[in-house]
PDB file of all heavy atoms in Angstrom:
ATOM      1  N   TYR A   1       0.829  -1.201   0.000  1.00  0.00           N
ATOM      2  CA  TYR A   1       0.000   0.007   0.005  1.00  0.00           C
ATOM      3  C   TYR A   1       0.867   1.256  -0.017  1.00  0.00           C
ATOM      4  O   TYR A   1       0.574   2.246  -0.671  1.00  0.00           O
ATOM      5  CB  TYR A   1      -0.918  -0.018   1.217  1.00  0.00           C
ATOM      6  CG  TYR A   1      -1.731   1.234   1.402  1.00  0.00           C
ATOM      7  CD1 TYR A   1      -2.827   1.503   0.640  1.00  0.00           C
ATOM      8  CD2 TYR A   1      -1.332   2.185   2.363  1.00  0.00           C
ATOM      9  CE1 TYR A   1      -3.564   2.667   0.791  1.00  0.00           C
ATOM     10  CE2 TYR A   1      -2.063   3.349   2.527  1.00  0.00           C
ATOM     11  CZ  TYR A   1      -3.175   3.592   1.752  1.00  0.00           C
ATOM     12  OH  TYR A   1      -3.907   4.752   1.900  1.00  0.00           O
ATOM     13  N   ALA A   2       1.957   1.212   0.757  1.00  0.00           N
ATOM     14  CA  ALA A   2       2.868   2.372   0.810  1.00  0.00           C
ATOM     15  C   ALA A   2       3.496   2.640  -0.546  1.00  0.00           C
ATOM     16  O   ALA A   2       3.778   3.782  -0.902  1.00  0.00           O
ATOM     17  CB  ALA A   2       3.941   2.154   1.881  1.00  0.00           C
ATOM     18  N   LEU A   3       3.684   1.578  -1.340  1.00  0.00           N
ATOM     19  CA  LEU A   3       4.288   1.747  -2.670  1.00  0.00           C
ATOM     20  C   LEU A   3       3.203   2.065  -3.724  1.00  0.00           C
ATOM     21  O   LEU A   3       3.552   2.178  -4.911  1.00  0.00           O
ATOM     22  CB  LEU A   3       5.033   0.463  -3.056  1.00  0.00           C
ATOM     23  CG  LEU A   3       6.239   0.124  -2.180  1.00  0.00           C
ATOM     24  CD1 LEU A   3       6.828  -1.239  -2.593  1.00  0.00           C
ATOM     25  CD2 LEU A   3       7.299   1.206  -2.333  1.00  0.00           C
ATOM     26  N   GLY A   4       1.949   2.099  -3.306  1.00  0.00           N
ATOM     27  CA  GLY A   4       0.881   2.421  -4.244  1.00  0.00           C
ATOM     28  C   GLY A   4       0.401   1.232  -5.029  1.00  0.00           C
ATOM     29  O   GLY A   4      -0.336   1.404  -6.009  1.00  0.00           O
ATOM     30  N   GLU A   5       0.801   0.043  -4.629  1.00  0.00           N
ATOM     31  CA  GLU A   5       0.373  -1.155  -5.405  1.00  0.00           C
ATOM     32  C   GLU A   5      -0.981  -1.671  -4.935  1.00  0.00           C
ATOM     33  O   GLU A   5      -1.646  -2.379  -5.710  1.00  0.00           O
ATOM     34  CB  GLU A   5       1.417  -2.252  -5.199  1.00  0.00           C
ATOM     35  CG  GLU A   5       2.811  -1.876  -5.759  1.00  0.00           C
ATOM     36  CD  GLU A   5       3.852  -2.926  -5.423  1.00  0.00           C
ATOM     37  OE1 GLU A   5       3.486  -3.930  -4.774  1.00  0.00           O
ATOM     38  OE2 GLU A   5       5.011  -2.762  -5.843  1.00  0.00           O
ATOM     39  N   LEU A   6      -1.400  -1.380  -3.720  1.00  0.00           N
ATOM     40  CA  LEU A   6      -2.695  -1.824  -3.203  1.00  0.00           C
ATOM     41  C   LEU A   6      -3.401  -0.647  -2.533  1.00  0.00           C
ATOM     42  O   LEU A   6      -2.758   0.365  -2.199  1.00  0.00           O
ATOM     43  CB  LEU A   6      -2.501  -2.959  -2.182  1.00  0.00           C
ATOM     44  CG  LEU A   6      -1.934  -4.284  -2.707  1.00  0.00           C
ATOM     45  CD1 LEU A   6      -1.661  -5.233  -1.553  1.00  0.00           C
ATOM     46  CD2 LEU A   6      -2.884  -4.911  -3.707  1.00  0.00           C
ATOM     47  N   GLY A   7      -4.702  -0.806  -2.337  1.00  0.00           N
ATOM     48  CA  GLY A   7      -5.463   0.229  -1.690  1.00  0.00           C
ATOM     49  C   GLY A   7      -5.643  -0.036  -0.227  1.00  0.00           C
ATOM     50  O   GLY A   7      -5.275  -1.098   0.305  1.00  0.00           O
ATOM     51  N   LEU A   8      -6.218   0.946   0.495  1.00  0.00           N
ATOM     52  CA  LEU A   8      -6.414   0.832   1.919  1.00  0.00           C
ATOM     53  C   LEU A   8      -7.364  -0.311   2.263  1.00  0.00           C
ATOM     54  O   LEU A   8      -7.212  -0.979   3.294  1.00  0.00           O
ATOM     55  CB  LEU A   8      -6.943   2.158   2.481  1.00  0.00           C
ATOM     56  CG  LEU A   8      -7.208   2.194   3.990  1.00  0.00           C
ATOM     57  CD1 LEU A   8      -5.946   1.914   4.765  1.00  0.00           C
ATOM     58  CD2 LEU A   8      -7.827   3.500   4.412  1.00  0.00           C
ATOM     59  N   VAL A   9      -8.338  -0.576   1.385  1.00  0.00           N
ATOM     60  CA  VAL A   9      -9.268  -1.662   1.640  1.00  0.00           C
ATOM     61  C   VAL A   9      -8.532  -3.024   1.732  1.00  0.00           C
ATOM     62  O   VAL A   9      -8.854  -3.822   2.572  1.00  0.00           O
ATOM     63  CB  VAL A   9     -10.343  -1.734   0.528  1.00  0.00           C
ATOM     64  CG1 VAL A   9     -11.243  -2.945   0.727  1.00  0.00           C
ATOM     65  CG2 VAL A   9     -11.177  -0.440   0.513  1.00  0.00           C
ATOM     66  N   ASP A  10      -7.527  -3.189   0.892  1.00  0.00           N
ATOM     67  CA  ASP A  10      -6.738  -4.449   0.959  1.00  0.00           C
ATOM     68  C   ASP A  10      -5.999  -4.553   2.291  1.00  0.00           C
ATOM     69  O   ASP A  10      -5.912  -5.614   2.888  1.00  0.00           O
ATOM     70  CB  ASP A  10      -5.764  -4.500  -0.217  1.00  0.00           C
ATOM     71  CG  ASP A  10      -6.480  -4.533  -1.548  1.00  0.00           C
ATOM     72  OD1 ASP A  10      -7.463  -5.269  -1.654  1.00  0.00           O
ATOM     73  OD2 ASP A  10      -6.028  -3.796  -2.449  1.00  0.00           O
ATOM     74  N   VAL A  11      -5.494  -3.411   2.734  1.00  0.00           N
ATOM     75  CA  VAL A  11      -4.767  -3.405   3.994  1.00  0.00           C
ATOM     76  C   VAL A  11      -5.701  -3.748   5.175  1.00  0.00           C
ATOM     77  O   VAL A  11      -5.374  -4.571   6.045  1.00  0.00           O
ATOM     78  CB  VAL A  11      -4.096  -2.038   4.249  1.00  0.00           C
ATOM     79  CG1 VAL A  11      -3.427  -2.004   5.611  1.00  0.00           C
ATOM     80  CG2 VAL A  11      -3.067  -1.746   3.176  1.00  0.00           C
ATOM     81  N   LEU A  12      -6.882  -3.139   5.147  1.00  0.00           N
ATOM     82  CA  LEU A  12      -7.825  -3.402   6.230  1.00  0.00           C
ATOM     83  C   LEU A  12      -8.289  -4.856   6.230  1.00  0.00           C
ATOM     84  O   LEU A  12      -8.471  -5.448   7.295  1.00  0.00           O
ATOM     85  CB  LEU A  12      -9.033  -2.464   6.086  1.00  0.00           C
ATOM     86  CG  LEU A  12      -8.711  -0.967   6.206  1.00  0.00           C
ATOM     87  CD1 LEU A  12      -9.986  -0.157   6.086  1.00  0.00           C
ATOM     88  CD2 LEU A  12      -7.981  -0.641   7.499  1.00  0.00           C
ATOM     89  N   ALA A  13      -8.474  -5.420   5.034  1.00  0.00           N
ATOM     90  CA  ALA A  13      -8.888  -6.840   4.957  1.00  0.00           C
ATOM     91  C   ALA A  13      -7.822  -7.744   5.549  1.00  0.00           C
ATOM     92  O   ALA A  13      -8.066  -8.705   6.267  1.00  0.00           O
ATOM     93  CB  ALA A  13      -9.212  -7.213   3.522  1.00  0.00           C
ATOM     94  N   ALA A  14      -6.543  -7.415   5.219  1.00  0.00           N
ATOM     95  CA  ALA A  14      -5.450  -8.235   5.740  1.00  0.00           C
ATOM     96  C   ALA A  14      -5.371  -8.104   7.250  1.00  0.00           C
ATOM     97  O   ALA A  14      -5.099  -9.068   7.942  1.00  0.00           O
ATOM     98  CB  ALA A  14      -4.156  -7.780   5.080  1.00  0.00           C
ATOM     99  N   ARG A  15      -5.621  -6.905   7.786  1.00  0.00           N
ATOM    100  CA  ARG A  15      -5.561  -6.715   9.214  1.00  0.00           C
ATOM    101  C   ARG A  15      -6.717  -7.420   9.937  1.00  0.00           C
ATOM    102  O   ARG A  15      -6.565  -7.883  11.035  1.00  0.00           O
ATOM    103  CB  ARG A  15      -5.543  -5.213   9.520  1.00  0.00           C
ATOM    104  CG  ARG A  15      -4.173  -4.614   9.396  1.00  0.00           C
ATOM    105  CD  ARG A  15      -3.200  -5.367  10.248  1.00  0.00           C
ATOM    106  NE  ARG A  15      -1.789  -5.142   9.896  1.00  0.00           N
ATOM    107  CZ  ARG A  15      -0.794  -5.795  10.413  1.00  0.00           C
ATOM    108  NH1 ARG A  15      -1.029  -6.791  11.249  1.00  0.00           N
ATOM    109  NH2 ARG A  15       0.424  -5.525  10.078  1.00  0.00           N
ATOM    110  N   ARG A  16      -7.897  -7.442   9.314  1.00  0.00           N
ATOM    111  CA  ARG A  16      -9.001  -8.173   9.926  1.00  0.00           C
ATOM    112  C   ARG A  16      -8.680  -9.657  10.019  1.00  0.00           C
ATOM    113  O   ARG A  16      -9.006 -10.345  10.990  1.00  0.00           O
ATOM    114  CB  ARG A  16     -10.278  -7.965   9.128  1.00  0.00           C
ATOM    115  CG  ARG A  16     -10.829  -6.547   9.202  1.00  0.00           C
ATOM    116  CD  ARG A  16     -12.236  -6.473   8.629  1.00  0.00           C
ATOM    117  NE  ARG A  16     -12.683  -5.092   8.486  1.00  0.00           N
ATOM    118  CZ  ARG A  16     -12.608  -4.397   7.365  1.00  0.00           C
ATOM    119  NH1 ARG A  16     -12.111  -4.953   6.261  1.00  0.00           N
ATOM    120  NH2 ARG A  16     -13.052  -3.132   7.331  1.00  0.00           N
ATOM    121  N   LEU A  17      -8.009 -10.170   8.976  1.00  0.00           N
ATOM    122  CA  LEU A  17      -7.605 -11.574   9.017  1.00  0.00           C
ATOM    123  C   LEU A  17      -6.580 -11.799  10.113  1.00  0.00           C
ATOM    124  O   LEU A  17      -6.629 -12.815  10.820  1.00  0.00           O
ATOM    125  CB  LEU A  17      -6.999 -11.955   7.651  1.00  0.00           C
ATOM    126  CG  LEU A  17      -6.444 -13.384   7.549  1.00  0.00           C
ATOM    127  CD1 LEU A  17      -7.571 -14.411   7.813  1.00  0.00           C
ATOM    128  CD2 LEU A  17      -5.807 -13.630   6.195  1.00  0.00           C
ATOM    129  N   ALA A  18      -5.665 -10.837  10.344  1.00  0.00           N
ATOM    130  CA  ALA A  18      -4.687 -10.964  11.422  1.00  0.00           C
ATOM    131  C   ALA A  18      -5.379 -10.926  12.775  1.00  0.00           C
ATOM    132  O   ALA A  18      -5.015 -11.680  13.711  1.00  0.00           O
ATOM    133  CB  ALA A  18      -3.659  -9.842  11.323  1.00  0.00           C
ATOM    134  N   GLU A  19      -6.400 -10.071  12.916  1.00  0.00           N
ATOM    135  CA  GLU A  19      -7.150 -10.032  14.170  1.00  0.00           C
ATOM    136  C   GLU A  19      -7.845 -11.326  14.436  1.00  0.00           C
ATOM    137  O   GLU A  19      -7.805 -11.889  15.563  1.00  0.00           O
ATOM    138  CB  GLU A  19      -8.192  -8.904  14.108  1.00  0.00           C
ATOM    139  CG  GLU A  19      -7.633  -7.511  14.094  1.00  0.00           C
ATOM    140  CD  GLU A  19      -8.698  -6.470  13.971  1.00  0.00           C
ATOM    141  OE1 GLU A  19      -9.914  -6.855  13.990  1.00  0.00           O
ATOM    142  OE2 GLU A  19      -8.407  -5.253  13.854  1.00  0.00           O
ATOM    143  N   ASP A  20      -8.513 -11.870  13.433  1.00  0.00           N
ATOM    144  CA  ASP A  20      -9.227 -13.135  13.619  1.00  0.00           C
ATOM    145  C   ASP A  20      -8.267 -14.272  13.926  1.00  0.00           C
ATOM    146  O   ASP A  20      -8.570 -15.186  14.715  1.00  0.00           O
ATOM    147  CB  ASP A  20     -10.048 -13.467  12.359  1.00  0.00           C
ATOM    148  CG  ASP A  20     -11.203 -12.494  12.130  1.00  0.00           C
ATOM    149  OD1 ASP A  20     -11.597 -11.848  13.138  1.00  0.00           O
ATOM    150  OD2 ASP A  20     -11.690 -12.377  11.007  1.00  0.00           O
ATOM    151  N   SER A  21      -7.088 -14.242  13.305  1.00  0.00           N
ATOM    152  CA  SER A  21      -6.089 -15.279  13.600  1.00  0.00           C
ATOM    153  C   SER A  21      -5.579 -15.183  15.015  1.00  0.00           C
ATOM    154  O   SER A  21      -5.337 -16.217  15.681  1.00  0.00           O
ATOM    155  CB  SER A  21      -4.913 -15.153  12.602  1.00  0.00           C
ATOM    156  OG  SER A  21      -5.347 -15.378  11.257  1.00  0.00           O
ATOM    157  N   ALA A  22      -5.433 -13.956  15.517  1.00  0.00           N
ATOM    158  CA  ALA A  22      -5.019 -13.803  16.908  1.00  0.00           C
ATOM    159  C   ALA A  22      -6.073 -14.348  17.860  1.00  0.00           C
ATOM    160  O   ALA A  22      -5.737 -15.007  18.872  1.00  0.00           O
ATOM    161  CB  ALA A  22      -4.740 -12.322  17.223  1.00  0.00           C
ATOM    162  N   LEU A  23      -7.349 -14.072  17.575  1.00  0.00           N
ATOM    163  CA  LEU A  23      -8.412 -14.583  18.389  1.00  0.00           C
ATOM    164  C   LEU A  23      -8.475 -16.112  18.336  1.00  0.00           C
ATOM    165  O   LEU A  23      -8.676 -16.780  19.342  1.00  0.00           O
ATOM    166  CB  LEU A  23      -9.744 -13.982  17.979  1.00  0.00           C
ATOM    167  CG  LEU A  23     -10.983 -14.369  18.805  1.00  0.00           C
ATOM    168  CD1 LEU A  23     -10.792 -13.901  20.241  1.00  0.00           C
ATOM    169  CD2 LEU A  23     -12.238 -13.785  18.196  1.00  0.00           C
ATOM    170  N   ALA A  24      -8.316 -16.644  17.152  1.00  0.00           N
ATOM    171  CA  ALA A  24      -8.345 -18.116  16.995  1.00  0.00           C
ATOM    172  C   ALA A  24      -7.197 -18.782  17.721  1.00  0.00           C
ATOM    173  O   ALA A  24      -7.346 -19.845  18.329  1.00  0.00           O
ATOM    174  CB  ALA A  24      -8.320 -18.489  15.511  1.00  0.00           C
ATOM    175  N   GLU A  25      -6.011 -18.160  17.687  1.00  0.00           N
ATOM    176  CA  GLU A  25      -4.853 -18.703  18.400  1.00  0.00           C
ATOM    177  C   GLU A  25      -5.094 -18.676  19.920  1.00  0.00           C
ATOM    178  O   GLU A  25      -4.735 -19.606  20.633  1.00  0.00           O
ATOM    179  CB  GLU A  25      -3.622 -17.922  18.051  1.00  0.00           C
ATOM    180  CG  GLU A  25      -2.297 -18.497  18.571  1.00  0.00           C
ATOM    181  CD  GLU A  25      -1.952 -17.980  19.927  1.00  0.00           C
ATOM    182  OE1 GLU A  25      -2.441 -16.911  20.311  1.00  0.00           O
ATOM    183  OE2 GLU A  25      -1.177 -18.668  20.649  1.00  0.00           O
ATOM    184  N   GLN A  26      -5.721 -17.609  20.383  1.00  0.00           N
ATOM    185  CA  GLN A  26      -6.034 -17.526  21.821  1.00  0.00           C
ATOM    186  C   GLN A  26      -7.025 -18.606  22.209  1.00  0.00           C
ATOM    187  O   GLN A  26      -6.870 -19.248  23.269  1.00  0.00           O
ATOM    188  CB  GLN A  26      -6.625 -16.124  22.096  1.00  0.00           C
ATOM    189  CG  GLN A  26      -7.004 -15.884  23.535  1.00  0.00           C
ATOM    190  CD  GLN A  26      -7.531 -14.479  23.714  1.00  0.00           C
ATOM    191  OE1 GLN A  26      -6.761 -13.558  23.971  1.00  0.00           O
ATOM    192  NE2 GLN A  26      -8.823 -14.287  23.583  1.00  0.00           N
ATOM    193  N   ARG A  27      -8.042 -18.837  21.403  1.00  0.00           N
ATOM    194  CA  ARG A  27      -9.015 -19.890  21.723  1.00  0.00           C
ATOM    195  C   ARG A  27      -8.353 -21.273  21.665  1.00  0.00           C
ATOM    196  O   ARG A  27      -8.636 -22.141  22.487  1.00  0.00           O
ATOM    197  CB  ARG A  27     -10.153 -19.836  20.714  1.00  0.00           C
ATOM    198  CG  ARG A  27     -11.080 -18.642  20.915  1.00  0.00           C
ATOM    199  CD  ARG A  27     -12.114 -18.521  19.820  1.00  0.00           C
ATOM    200  NE  ARG A  27     -13.033 -17.440  20.021  1.00  0.00           N
ATOM    201  CZ  ARG A  27     -13.898 -16.987  19.131  1.00  0.00           C
ATOM    202  NH1 ARG A  27     -13.931 -17.568  17.924  1.00  0.00           N
ATOM    203  NH2 ARG A  27     -14.722 -16.004  19.416  1.00  0.00           N
ATOM    204  N   ALA A  28      -7.470 -21.475  20.702  1.00  0.00           N
ATOM    205  CA  ALA A  28      -6.763 -22.750  20.625  1.00  0.00           C
ATOM    206  C   ALA A  28      -5.887 -22.998  21.841  1.00  0.00           C
ATOM    207  O   ALA A  28      -5.761 -24.111  22.331  1.00  0.00           O
ATOM    208  CB  ALA A  28      -5.919 -22.800  19.344  1.00  0.00           C
ATOM    209  N   LEU A  29      -5.275 -21.928  22.380  1.00  0.00           N
ATOM    210  CA  LEU A  29      -4.484 -22.066  23.587  1.00  0.00           C
ATOM    211  C   LEU A  29      -5.337 -22.515  24.754  1.00  0.00           C
ATOM    212  O   LEU A  29      -4.983 -23.419  25.513  1.00  0.00           O
ATOM    213  CB  LEU A  29      -3.791 -20.726  23.895  1.00  0.00           C
ATOM    214  CG  LEU A  29      -2.880 -20.698  25.125  1.00  0.00           C
ATOM    215  CD1 LEU A  29      -1.640 -19.883  24.875  1.00  0.00           C
ATOM    216  CD2 LEU A  29      -3.645 -20.108  26.332  1.00  0.00           C
ATOM    217  N   LEU A  30      -6.535 -21.892  24.911  1.00  0.00           N
ATOM    218  CA  LEU A  30      -7.411 -22.269  25.988  1.00  0.00           C
ATOM    219  C   LEU A  30      -7.946 -23.700  25.793  1.00  0.00           C
ATOM    220  O   LEU A  30      -8.123 -24.442  26.743  1.00  0.00           O
ATOM    221  CB  LEU A  30      -8.580 -21.290  26.086  1.00  0.00           C
ATOM    222  CG  LEU A  30      -8.233 -19.951  26.781  1.00  0.00           C
ATOM    223  CD1 LEU A  30      -9.290 -18.922  26.510  1.00  0.00           C
ATOM    224  CD2 LEU A  30      -8.092 -20.182  28.276  1.00  0.00           C
ATOM    225  N   ASP A  31      -8.214 -24.071  24.536  1.00  0.00           N
ATOM    226  CA  ASP A  31      -8.640 -25.429  24.280  1.00  0.00           C
ATOM    227  C   ASP A  31      -7.574 -26.451  24.683  1.00  0.00           C
ATOM    228  O   ASP A  31      -7.886 -27.509  25.248  1.00  0.00           O
ATOM    229  CB  ASP A  31      -8.961 -25.611  22.772  1.00  0.00           C
ATOM    230  CG  ASP A  31     -10.206 -24.866  22.352  1.00  0.00           C
ATOM    231  OD1 ASP A  31     -10.993 -24.497  23.231  1.00  0.00           O
ATOM    232  OD2 ASP A  31     -10.396 -24.672  21.130  1.00  0.00           O
ATOM    233  N   ALA A  32      -6.327 -26.112  24.420  1.00  0.00           N
ATOM    234  CA  ALA A  32      -5.240 -27.044  24.775  1.00  0.00           C
ATOM    235  C   ALA A  32      -5.073 -27.122  26.288  1.00  0.00           C
ATOM    236  O   ALA A  32      -4.864 -28.203  26.832  1.00  0.00           O
ATOM    237  CB  ALA A  32      -3.916 -26.560  24.141  1.00  0.00           C
ATOM    238  N   ILE A  33      -5.208 -26.000  26.984  1.00  0.00           N
ATOM    239  CA  ILE A  33      -5.110 -26.027  28.455  1.00  0.00           C
ATOM    240  C   ILE A  33      -6.235 -26.863  29.039  1.00  0.00           C
ATOM    241  O   ILE A  33      -6.047 -27.678  29.933  1.00  0.00           O
ATOM    242  CB  ILE A  33      -5.139 -24.608  29.026  1.00  0.00           C
ATOM    243  CG1 ILE A  33      -3.879 -23.827  28.580  1.00  0.00           C
ATOM    244  CG2 ILE A  33      -5.279 -24.599  30.520  1.00  0.00           C
ATOM    245  CD1 ILE A  33      -3.897 -22.357  28.979  1.00  0.00           C
ATOM    246  N   GLU A  34      -7.461 -26.642  28.522  1.00  0.00           N
ATOM    247  CA  GLU A  34      -8.603 -27.387  29.014  1.00  0.00           C
ATOM    248  C   GLU A  34      -8.437 -28.902  28.759  1.00  0.00           C
ATOM    249  O   GLU A  34      -8.735 -29.727  29.621  1.00  0.00           O
ATOM    250  CB  GLU A  34      -9.891 -26.909  28.360  1.00  0.00           C
ATOM    251  CG  GLU A  34     -11.112 -27.672  28.840  1.00  0.00           C
ATOM    252  CD  GLU A  34     -12.389 -27.281  28.092  1.00  0.00           C
ATOM    253  OE1 GLU A  34     -12.280 -26.665  27.006  1.00  0.00           O
ATOM    254  OE2 GLU A  34     -13.493 -27.601  28.579  1.00  0.00           O
ATOM    255  N   ALA A  35      -7.956 -29.252  27.582  1.00  0.00           N
ATOM    256  CA  ALA A  35      -7.833 -30.692  27.245  1.00  0.00           C
ATOM    257  C   ALA A  35      -6.797 -31.387  28.124  1.00  0.00           C
ATOM    258  O   ALA A  35      -7.053 -32.505  28.591  1.00  0.00           O
ATOM    259  CB  ALA A  35      -7.428 -30.814  25.778  1.00  0.00           C
ATOM    260  N   VAL A  36      -5.661 -30.742  28.390  1.00  0.00           N
ATOM    261  CA  VAL A  36      -4.662 -31.340  29.256  1.00  0.00           C
ATOM    262  C   VAL A  36      -5.183 -31.432  30.692  1.00  0.00           C
ATOM    263  O   VAL A  36      -5.012 -32.444  31.370  1.00  0.00           O
ATOM    264  CB  VAL A  36      -3.363 -30.529  29.200  1.00  0.00           C
ATOM    265  CG1 VAL A  36      -2.379 -31.017  30.249  1.00  0.00           C
ATOM    266  CG2 VAL A  36      -2.725 -30.644  27.804  1.00  0.00           C
ATOM    267  N   THR A  37      -5.837 -30.362  31.162  1.00  0.00           N
ATOM    268  CA  THR A  37      -6.385 -30.387  32.505  1.00  0.00           C
ATOM    269  C   THR A  37      -7.469 -31.447  32.650  1.00  0.00           C
ATOM    270  O   THR A  37      -7.589 -32.091  33.678  1.00  0.00           O
ATOM    271  CB  THR A  37      -6.944 -29.005  32.883  1.00  0.00           C
ATOM    272  OG1 THR A  37      -5.964 -28.027  32.642  1.00  0.00           O
ATOM    273  CG2 THR A  37      -7.344 -28.958  34.339  1.00  0.00           C
ATOM    274  N   ARG A  38      -8.257 -31.648  31.598  1.00  0.00           N
ATOM    275  CA  ARG A  38      -9.280 -32.679  31.653  1.00  0.00           C
ATOM    276  C   ARG A  38      -8.673 -34.054  31.883  1.00  0.00           C
ATOM    277  O   ARG A  38      -9.173 -34.866  32.656  1.00  0.00           O
ATOM    278  CB  ARG A  38     -10.090 -32.644  30.356  1.00  0.00           C
ATOM    279  CG  ARG A  38     -11.074 -33.807  30.178  1.00  0.00           C
ATOM    280  CD  ARG A  38     -12.191 -33.848  31.232  1.00  0.00           C
ATOM    281  NE  ARG A  38     -13.016 -35.012  31.027  1.00  0.00           N
ATOM    282  CZ  ARG A  38     -14.063 -35.058  30.226  1.00  0.00           C
ATOM    283  NH1 ARG A  38     -14.414 -33.999  29.522  1.00  0.00           N
ATOM    284  NH2 ARG A  38     -14.770 -36.182  30.128  1.00  0.00           N
ATOM    285  N   VAL A  39      -7.576 -34.344  31.197  1.00  0.00           N
ATOM    286  CA  VAL A  39      -6.883 -35.610  31.407  1.00  0.00           C
ATOM    287  C   VAL A  39      -6.416 -35.711  32.864  1.00  0.00           C
ATOM    288  O   VAL A  39      -6.585 -36.770  33.505  1.00  0.00           O
ATOM    289  CB  VAL A  39      -5.691 -35.754  30.444  1.00  0.00           C
ATOM    290  CG1 VAL A  39      -4.880 -36.992  30.757  1.00  0.00           C
ATOM    291  CG2 VAL A  39      -6.195 -35.824  28.996  1.00  0.00           C
ATOM    292  N   GLN A  40      -5.859 -34.663  33.380  1.00  0.00           N
ATOM    293  CA  GLN A  40      -5.343 -34.682  34.771  1.00  0.00           C
ATOM    294  C   GLN A  40      -6.495 -34.817  35.774  1.00  0.00           C
ATOM    295  O   GLN A  40      -6.337 -35.502  36.801  1.00  0.00           O
ATOM    296  CB  GLN A  40      -4.540 -33.416  35.018  1.00  0.00           C
ATOM    297  CG  GLN A  40      -3.260 -33.317  34.181  1.00  0.00           C
ATOM    298  CD  GLN A  40      -2.603 -31.959  34.297  1.00  0.00           C
ATOM    299  OE1 GLN A  40      -3.233 -30.955  34.650  1.00  0.00           O
ATOM    300  NE2 GLN A  40      -1.331 -31.921  33.988  1.00  0.00           N
ATOM    301  N   VAL A  41      -7.639 -34.190  35.478  1.00  0.00           N
ATOM    302  CA  VAL A  41      -8.790 -34.336  36.384  1.00  0.00           C
ATOM    303  C   VAL A  41      -9.301 -35.772  36.333  1.00  0.00           C
ATOM    304  O   VAL A  41      -9.596 -36.380  37.369  1.00  0.00           O
ATOM    305  CB  VAL A  41      -9.879 -33.349  35.987  1.00  0.00           C
ATOM    306  CG1 VAL A  41     -11.196 -33.667  36.687  1.00  0.00           C
ATOM    307  CG2 VAL A  41      -9.453 -31.916  36.315  1.00  0.00           C
ATOM    308  N   ASP A  42      -9.402 -36.342  35.112  1.00  0.00           N
ATOM    309  CA  ASP A  42      -9.883 -37.707  35.020  1.00  0.00           C
ATOM    310  C   ASP A  42      -8.941 -38.691  35.664  1.00  0.00           C
ATOM    311  O   ASP A  42      -9.374 -39.756  36.146  1.00  0.00           O
ATOM    312  CB  ASP A  42     -10.108 -38.067  33.529  1.00  0.00           C
ATOM    313  CG  ASP A  42     -11.347 -37.432  32.944  1.00  0.00           C
ATOM    314  OD1 ASP A  42     -12.127 -36.849  33.712  1.00  0.00           O
ATOM    315  OD2 ASP A  42     -11.556 -37.519  31.713  1.00  0.00           O
ATOM    316  N   ALA A  43      -7.672 -38.362  35.667  1.00  0.00           N
ATOM    317  CA  ALA A  43      -6.671 -39.239  36.316  1.00  0.00           C
ATOM    318  C   ALA A  43      -6.506 -38.938  37.799  1.00  0.00           C
ATOM    319  O   ALA A  43      -5.673 -39.557  38.465  1.00  0.00           O
ATOM    320  CB  ALA A  43      -5.331 -39.084  35.613  1.00  0.00           C
ATOM    321  N   HIS A  44      -7.332 -37.965  38.321  1.00  0.00           N
ATOM    322  CA  HIS A  44      -7.300 -37.615  39.739  1.00  0.00           C
ATOM    323  C   HIS A  44      -5.947 -37.067  40.164  1.00  0.00           C
ATOM    324  O   HIS A  44      -5.522 -37.264  41.296  1.00  0.00           O
ATOM    325  CB  HIS A  44      -7.697 -38.780  40.618  1.00  0.00           C
ATOM    326  CG  HIS A  44      -9.093 -39.278  40.342  1.00  0.00           C
ATOM    327  ND1 HIS A  44      -9.409 -40.054  39.236  1.00  0.00           N
ATOM    328  CD2 HIS A  44     -10.256 -39.128  41.012  1.00  0.00           C
ATOM    329  CE1 HIS A  44     -10.706 -40.328  39.244  1.00  0.00           C
ATOM    330  NE2 HIS A  44     -11.232 -39.769  40.299  1.00  0.00           N
ATOM    331  N   GLU A  45      -5.266 -36.381  39.229  1.00  0.00           N
ATOM    332  CA  GLU A  45      -4.020 -35.739  39.562  1.00  0.00           C
ATOM    333  C   GLU A  45      -4.201 -34.323  40.056  1.00  0.00           C
ATOM    334  O   GLU A  45      -3.348 -33.782  40.733  1.00  0.00           O
ATOM    335  CB  GLU A  45      -3.109 -35.733  38.317  1.00  0.00           C
ATOM    336  CG  GLU A  45      -2.540 -37.086  37.935  1.00  0.00           C
ATOM    337  CD  GLU A  45      -1.545 -37.602  38.970  1.00  0.00           C
ATOM    338  OE1 GLU A  45      -0.563 -36.907  39.235  1.00  0.00           O
ATOM    339  OE2 GLU A  45      -1.763 -38.704  39.503  1.00  0.00           O
TER     340      GLU A  45
END
């Protein structure tokens, strides 16, 4: 965009994808924590 090859709309779309990816990574982290803790709870650890 700075070089004039793309418009601001393209930049905003790319940033929305980055935002959604950050949220998805955060959810995946919590899913992994829950899954490991579930095993430990079931094993009475």
